[in-house]
Amino acid sequence: MDKDQLIEELKKADLFSRLEADDLAALLGIARMRQIDDGEILFAAGDRATGFYVLLQGKIKLYKVSADGKEYILRVVRDRQTFAEAAAFSGLTYPVFAECMSPCQIVYFDANDFRTLIQRSPQLALNMIATMASLLQSLNQKIEDLSLREVTARLCRHLLARARDEHGEVTDGVRVQLETTKSALAARLGTISETLSRTFKKLQQHGVVAVDRDQVTLLDCDQVQQVAEGDLKL
């Protein structure tokens, strides 16, 4: 990937959108691109947070490990998303593990170098605030889902979010690829595998979804939305 191509890819990340040409050129000067293999751990919980990343291609899971060794996936990072920026600017340590779920192409930005750029670019500073606010909103939504919504509603909200990420518009018949094992998805939704399996079965019995291994088809998006919002109980 040449410099012009890299700039075009970085501009697609929310953090770097609407930047002027001079800012993008300066950004390119501190960018460090890497290729990482499937299964490689980029950083571990407790490692010193020296910088943050942009994922250009692939999938990366951010997760924590419990005392008994169970893995809890907090987020799956997709193309042109940033991650670890909050930890990098705290000056402390990474709170989670980052592991590649496929071969990945990433760009690394050193936190100290990036701070220098922020001081010179008001737009970059505003983008950083917006990115942090979006992450906070996402975490607040996760807390709300876990504390106030039933498992069926949590699952439907997850499926709708995946459908929007993959296809943009959600319509009947849209197909969603599950990114993790069902046990990992269950942990992410705050439940256990057996409950998740029963929930999928219930949704299928009501004609809301169809499940084929790691593919879920949303047969009736209106019902999925109603269940997700708690307006329909199955």
Protein backbone atom coordinates (compact mmCIF):
# COMPACT_ATOMS: atom_id res chain seq x y z
CA MET A 1 0.00 0.00 0.00
CA ASP A 2 1.51 3.34 -1.07
CA LYS A 3 1.20 6.63 0.84
CA ASP A 4 -1.78 7.94 -1.14
CA GLN A 5 -3.68 4.70 -0.59
CA LEU A 6 -2.89 4.75 3.13
CA ILE A 7 -4.16 8.33 3.45
CA GLU A 8 -7.40 7.37 1.71
CA GLU A 9 -7.88 4.43 4.09
CA LEU A 10 -7.13 6.51 7.19
CA LYS A 11 -9.63 9.18 6.10
CA LYS A 12 -12.37 6.54 6.35
CA ALA A 13 -11.78 6.21 10.11
CA ASP A 14 -13.97 8.55 12.16
CA LEU A 15 -10.96 9.80 14.09
CA PHE A 16 -9.30 11.08 10.92
CA SER A 17 -12.32 12.29 8.94
CA ARG A 18 -12.54 15.93 7.80
CA LEU A 19 -8.81 16.52 8.31
CA GLU A 20 -6.97 18.98 6.08
CA ALA A 21 -4.22 17.82 3.74
CA ASP A 22 -1.45 19.16 6.02
CA ASP A 23 -2.84 17.25 9.01
CA LEU A 24 -3.07 14.05 6.97
CA ALA A 25 0.51 14.45 5.79
CA ALA A 26 1.69 14.92 9.38
CA LEU A 27 -0.36 11.90 10.42
CA LEU A 28 1.32 9.81 7.77
CA GLY A 29 4.69 10.83 9.18
CA ILE A 30 4.04 9.04 12.49
CA ALA A 31 2.07 6.07 11.12
CA ARG A 32 3.64 2.62 11.47
CA MET A 33 1.99 -0.09 9.37
CA ARG A 34 2.18 -3.78 10.32
CA GLN A 35 0.92 -7.15 9.11
CA ILE A 36 -0.21 -9.52 11.87
CA ASP A 37 -1.07 -13.22 11.68
CA ASP A 38 -4.31 -14.85 12.75
CA GLY A 39 -4.19 -15.69 16.46
CA GLU A 40 -1.39 -13.25 17.27
CA ILE A 41 -1.85 -11.19 20.43
CA LEU A 42 -1.18 -7.53 19.74
CA PHE A 43 -1.08 -6.56 23.41
CA ALA A 44 -2.07 -8.10 26.72
CA ALA A 45 -3.99 -6.70 29.66
CA GLY A 46 -1.46 -4.98 31.91
CA ASP A 47 1.00 -4.08 29.15
CA ARG A 48 2.10 -0.44 29.17
CA ALA A 49 -0.13 1.55 26.81
CA THR A 50 2.25 3.37 24.49
CA GLY A 51 -0.06 4.03 21.55
CA PHE A 52 -3.23 3.13 19.70
CA TYR A 53 -4.18 1.43 16.44
CA VAL A 54 -6.29 1.62 13.30
CA LEU A 55 -7.40 -1.67 11.78
CA LEU A 56 -7.21 -1.43 8.00
CA GLN A 57 -8.18 -5.00 7.24
CA GLY A 58 -9.19 -8.07 9.27
CA LYS A 59 -10.87 -8.60 12.63
CA ILE A 60 -9.49 -8.14 16.15
CA LYS A 61 -11.19 -9.11 19.40
CA LEU A 62 -10.73 -7.12 22.59
CA TYR A 63 -11.35 -9.29 25.62
CA LYS A 64 -10.72 -9.85 29.30
CA VAL A 65 -9.94 -13.14 31.03
CA SER A 66 -11.58 -14.06 34.32
CA ALA A 67 -9.77 -15.62 37.27
CA ASP A 68 -10.99 -19.07 36.19
CA GLY A 69 -9.72 -18.57 32.65
CA LYS A 70 -12.97 -17.69 30.89
CA GLU A 71 -12.73 -15.24 28.02
CA TYR A 72 -15.18 -12.33 27.81
CA ILE A 73 -15.22 -10.46 24.49
CA LEU A 74 -15.93 -6.76 24.96
CA ARG A 75 -15.66 -5.71 21.33
CA VAL A 76 -14.82 -6.98 17.87
CA VAL A 77 -12.87 -4.35 15.92
CA ARG A 78 -13.59 -4.14 12.19
CA ASP A 79 -12.06 -2.44 9.16
CA ARG A 80 -11.11 1.23 9.59
CA GLN A 81 -11.97 1.34 13.28
CA THR A 82 -9.60 2.68 15.92
CA PHE A 83 -8.92 0.96 19.23
CA ALA A 84 -6.88 1.39 22.40
CA GLU A 85 -6.91 5.19 22.14
CA ALA A 86 -8.42 5.67 25.61
CA ALA A 87 -5.74 3.50 27.21
CA ALA A 88 -2.97 5.16 25.23
CA PHE A 89 -3.91 8.64 26.37
CA SER A 90 -4.39 7.60 29.99
CA GLY A 91 -0.67 6.94 30.18
CA LEU A 92 -1.36 3.73 32.10
CA THR A 93 -1.81 0.15 30.84
CA TYR A 94 -4.03 -1.64 28.34
CA PRO A 95 -7.03 -3.03 30.28
CA VAL A 96 -7.77 -5.83 27.78
CA PHE A 97 -6.16 -8.34 25.44
CA ALA A 98 -6.18 -7.65 21.68
CA GLU A 99 -6.01 -10.77 19.51
CA CYS A 100 -6.31 -11.14 15.75
CA MET A 101 -9.25 -13.26 14.55
CA SER A 102 -7.84 -13.30 11.00
CA PRO A 103 -4.73 -12.01 9.21
CA CYS A 104 -4.74 -8.27 9.91
CA GLN A 105 -3.23 -5.10 8.56
CA ILE A 106 -2.94 -2.38 11.19
CA VAL A 107 -1.47 1.07 11.65
CA TYR A 108 0.13 2.03 14.97
CA PHE A 109 0.36 5.59 16.32
CA ASP A 110 2.64 6.45 19.23
CA ALA A 111 0.67 8.37 21.88
CA ASN A 112 3.33 11.04 22.46
CA ASP A 113 3.70 11.75 18.74
CA PHE A 114 -0.07 11.92 18.37
CA ARG A 115 -0.40 14.39 21.26
CA THR A 116 1.91 16.75 19.38
CA LEU A 117 -0.37 16.56 16.34
CA ILE A 118 -3.49 17.23 18.42
CA GLN A 119 -1.96 20.42 19.77
CA ARG A 120 -1.61 21.70 16.21
CA SER A 121 -4.95 20.49 14.79
CA PRO A 122 -8.28 21.64 16.28
CA GLN A 123 -10.19 19.26 13.97
CA LEU A 124 -8.17 16.27 15.16
CA ALA A 125 -8.84 17.27 18.78
CA LEU A 126 -12.58 17.49 18.06
CA ASN A 127 -12.50 14.11 16.34
CA MET A 128 -10.77 12.58 19.34
CA ILE A 129 -13.46 13.95 21.68
CA ALA A 130 -16.20 12.58 19.40
CA THR A 131 -14.51 9.16 19.26
CA MET A 132 -14.20 8.97 23.05
CA ALA A 133 -17.83 10.05 23.44
CA SER A 134 -18.92 7.31 21.05
CA LEU A 135 -16.99 4.68 23.03
CA LEU A 136 -18.54 5.92 26.29
CA GLN A 137 -22.01 5.77 24.76
CA SER A 138 -21.36 2.22 23.61
CA LEU A 139 -20.26 1.17 27.10
CA ASN A 140 -23.30 2.84 28.66
CA GLN A 141 -25.53 0.97 26.21
CA LYS A 142 -23.87 -2.32 27.14
CA ILE A 143 -24.47 -1.64 30.85
CA GLU A 144 -28.11 -0.77 30.13
CA ASP A 145 -28.60 -3.94 28.08
CA LEU A 146 -27.08 -6.19 30.73
CA SER A 147 -29.00 -4.65 33.62
CA LEU A 148 -32.40 -3.85 32.09
CA ARG A 149 -33.02 -6.14 29.10
CA GLU A 150 -33.83 -9.83 28.85
CA VAL A 151 -31.51 -12.17 26.96
CA THR A 152 -33.89 -12.33 23.96
CA ALA A 153 -33.84 -8.53 23.64
CA ARG A 154 -30.05 -8.40 24.02
CA LEU A 155 -29.61 -11.00 21.29
CA CYS A 156 -31.96 -9.17 18.90
CA ARG A 157 -30.16 -5.87 19.51
CA HIS A 158 -26.86 -7.59 18.77
CA LEU A 159 -28.19 -9.12 15.54
CA LEU A 160 -29.58 -5.78 14.37
CA ALA A 161 -26.26 -4.05 15.11
CA ARG A 162 -24.36 -6.72 13.17
CA ALA A 163 -26.79 -6.43 10.24
CA ARG A 164 -26.31 -2.65 10.11
CA ASP A 165 -22.53 -3.01 10.28
CA GLU A 166 -22.48 -5.56 7.45
CA HIS A 167 -25.22 -4.25 5.18
CA GLY A 168 -26.15 -0.72 6.25
CA GLU A 169 -29.88 -1.13 5.70
CA VAL A 170 -31.74 -3.86 7.59
CA THR A 171 -34.46 -5.64 5.59
CA ASP A 172 -36.24 -8.99 5.79
CA GLY A 173 -33.98 -11.79 4.64
CA VAL A 174 -30.72 -10.06 5.52
CA ARG A 175 -28.06 -12.51 6.65
CA VAL A 176 -25.71 -11.95 9.58
CA GLN A 177 -22.40 -13.69 10.15
CA LEU A 178 -21.69 -14.53 13.78
CA GLU A 179 -18.12 -13.39 14.42
CA THR A 180 -17.41 -15.57 17.43
CA THR A 181 -18.36 -18.96 18.82
CA LYS A 182 -21.79 -19.15 20.41
CA SER A 183 -20.20 -19.62 23.83
CA ALA A 184 -18.23 -16.38 23.35
CA LEU A 185 -21.37 -14.61 22.14
CA ALA A 186 -23.25 -15.87 25.19
CA ALA A 187 -20.58 -14.43 27.47
CA ARG A 188 -20.71 -11.13 25.58
CA LEU A 189 -24.48 -10.99 26.10
CA GLY A 190 -24.15 -11.77 29.79
CA THR A 191 -25.62 -15.27 29.69
CA ILE A 192 -24.58 -18.91 29.23
CA SER A 193 -24.44 -21.10 26.11
CA GLU A 194 -27.48 -23.18 27.06
CA THR A 195 -29.66 -20.08 27.51
CA LEU A 196 -28.42 -18.62 24.23
CA SER A 197 -29.25 -21.84 22.38
CA ARG A 198 -32.78 -21.85 23.85
CA THR A 199 -33.18 -18.19 22.84
CA PHE A 200 -32.16 -18.88 19.25
CA LYS A 201 -34.56 -21.85 19.18
CA LYS A 202 -37.42 -19.68 20.47
CA LEU A 203 -36.77 -17.02 17.82
CA GLN A 204 -36.75 -19.70 15.13
CA GLN A 205 -39.99 -21.25 16.38
CA HIS A 206 -41.70 -17.86 16.11
CA GLY A 207 -40.40 -17.37 12.56
CA VAL A 208 -38.27 -14.39 13.52
CA VAL A 209 -34.88 -15.76 12.46
CA ALA A 210 -33.34 -18.80 10.78
CA VAL A 211 -30.02 -20.19 11.99
CA ASP A 212 -27.56 -22.19 9.89
CA ARG A 213 -24.35 -22.77 11.86
CA ASP A 214 -22.72 -19.33 12.13
CA GLN A 215 -25.20 -17.65 9.76
CA VAL A 216 -28.39 -16.00 11.08
CA THR A 217 -31.07 -14.78 8.68
CA LEU A 218 -33.45 -12.10 9.95
CA LEU A 219 -36.79 -13.25 8.54
CA ASP A 220 -38.97 -10.57 10.13
CA CYS A 221 -37.02 -7.41 10.91
CA ASP A 222 -40.04 -5.64 12.40
CA GLN A 223 -40.42 -8.37 15.00
CA VAL A 224 -36.67 -8.42 15.66
CA GLN A 225 -36.83 -4.66 16.29
CA GLN A 226 -39.87 -4.99 18.57
CA VAL A 227 -38.20 -7.72 20.62
CA ALA A 228 -34.99 -5.68 20.80
CA GLU A 229 -36.88 -2.67 22.19
CA GLY A 230 -38.87 -4.77 24.64
CA ASP A 231 -42.18 -4.05 22.89
CA LEU A 232 -42.74 -7.71 22.03
CA LYS A 233 -42.30 -10.69 24.35
CA LEU A 234 -41.88 -14.16 22.83
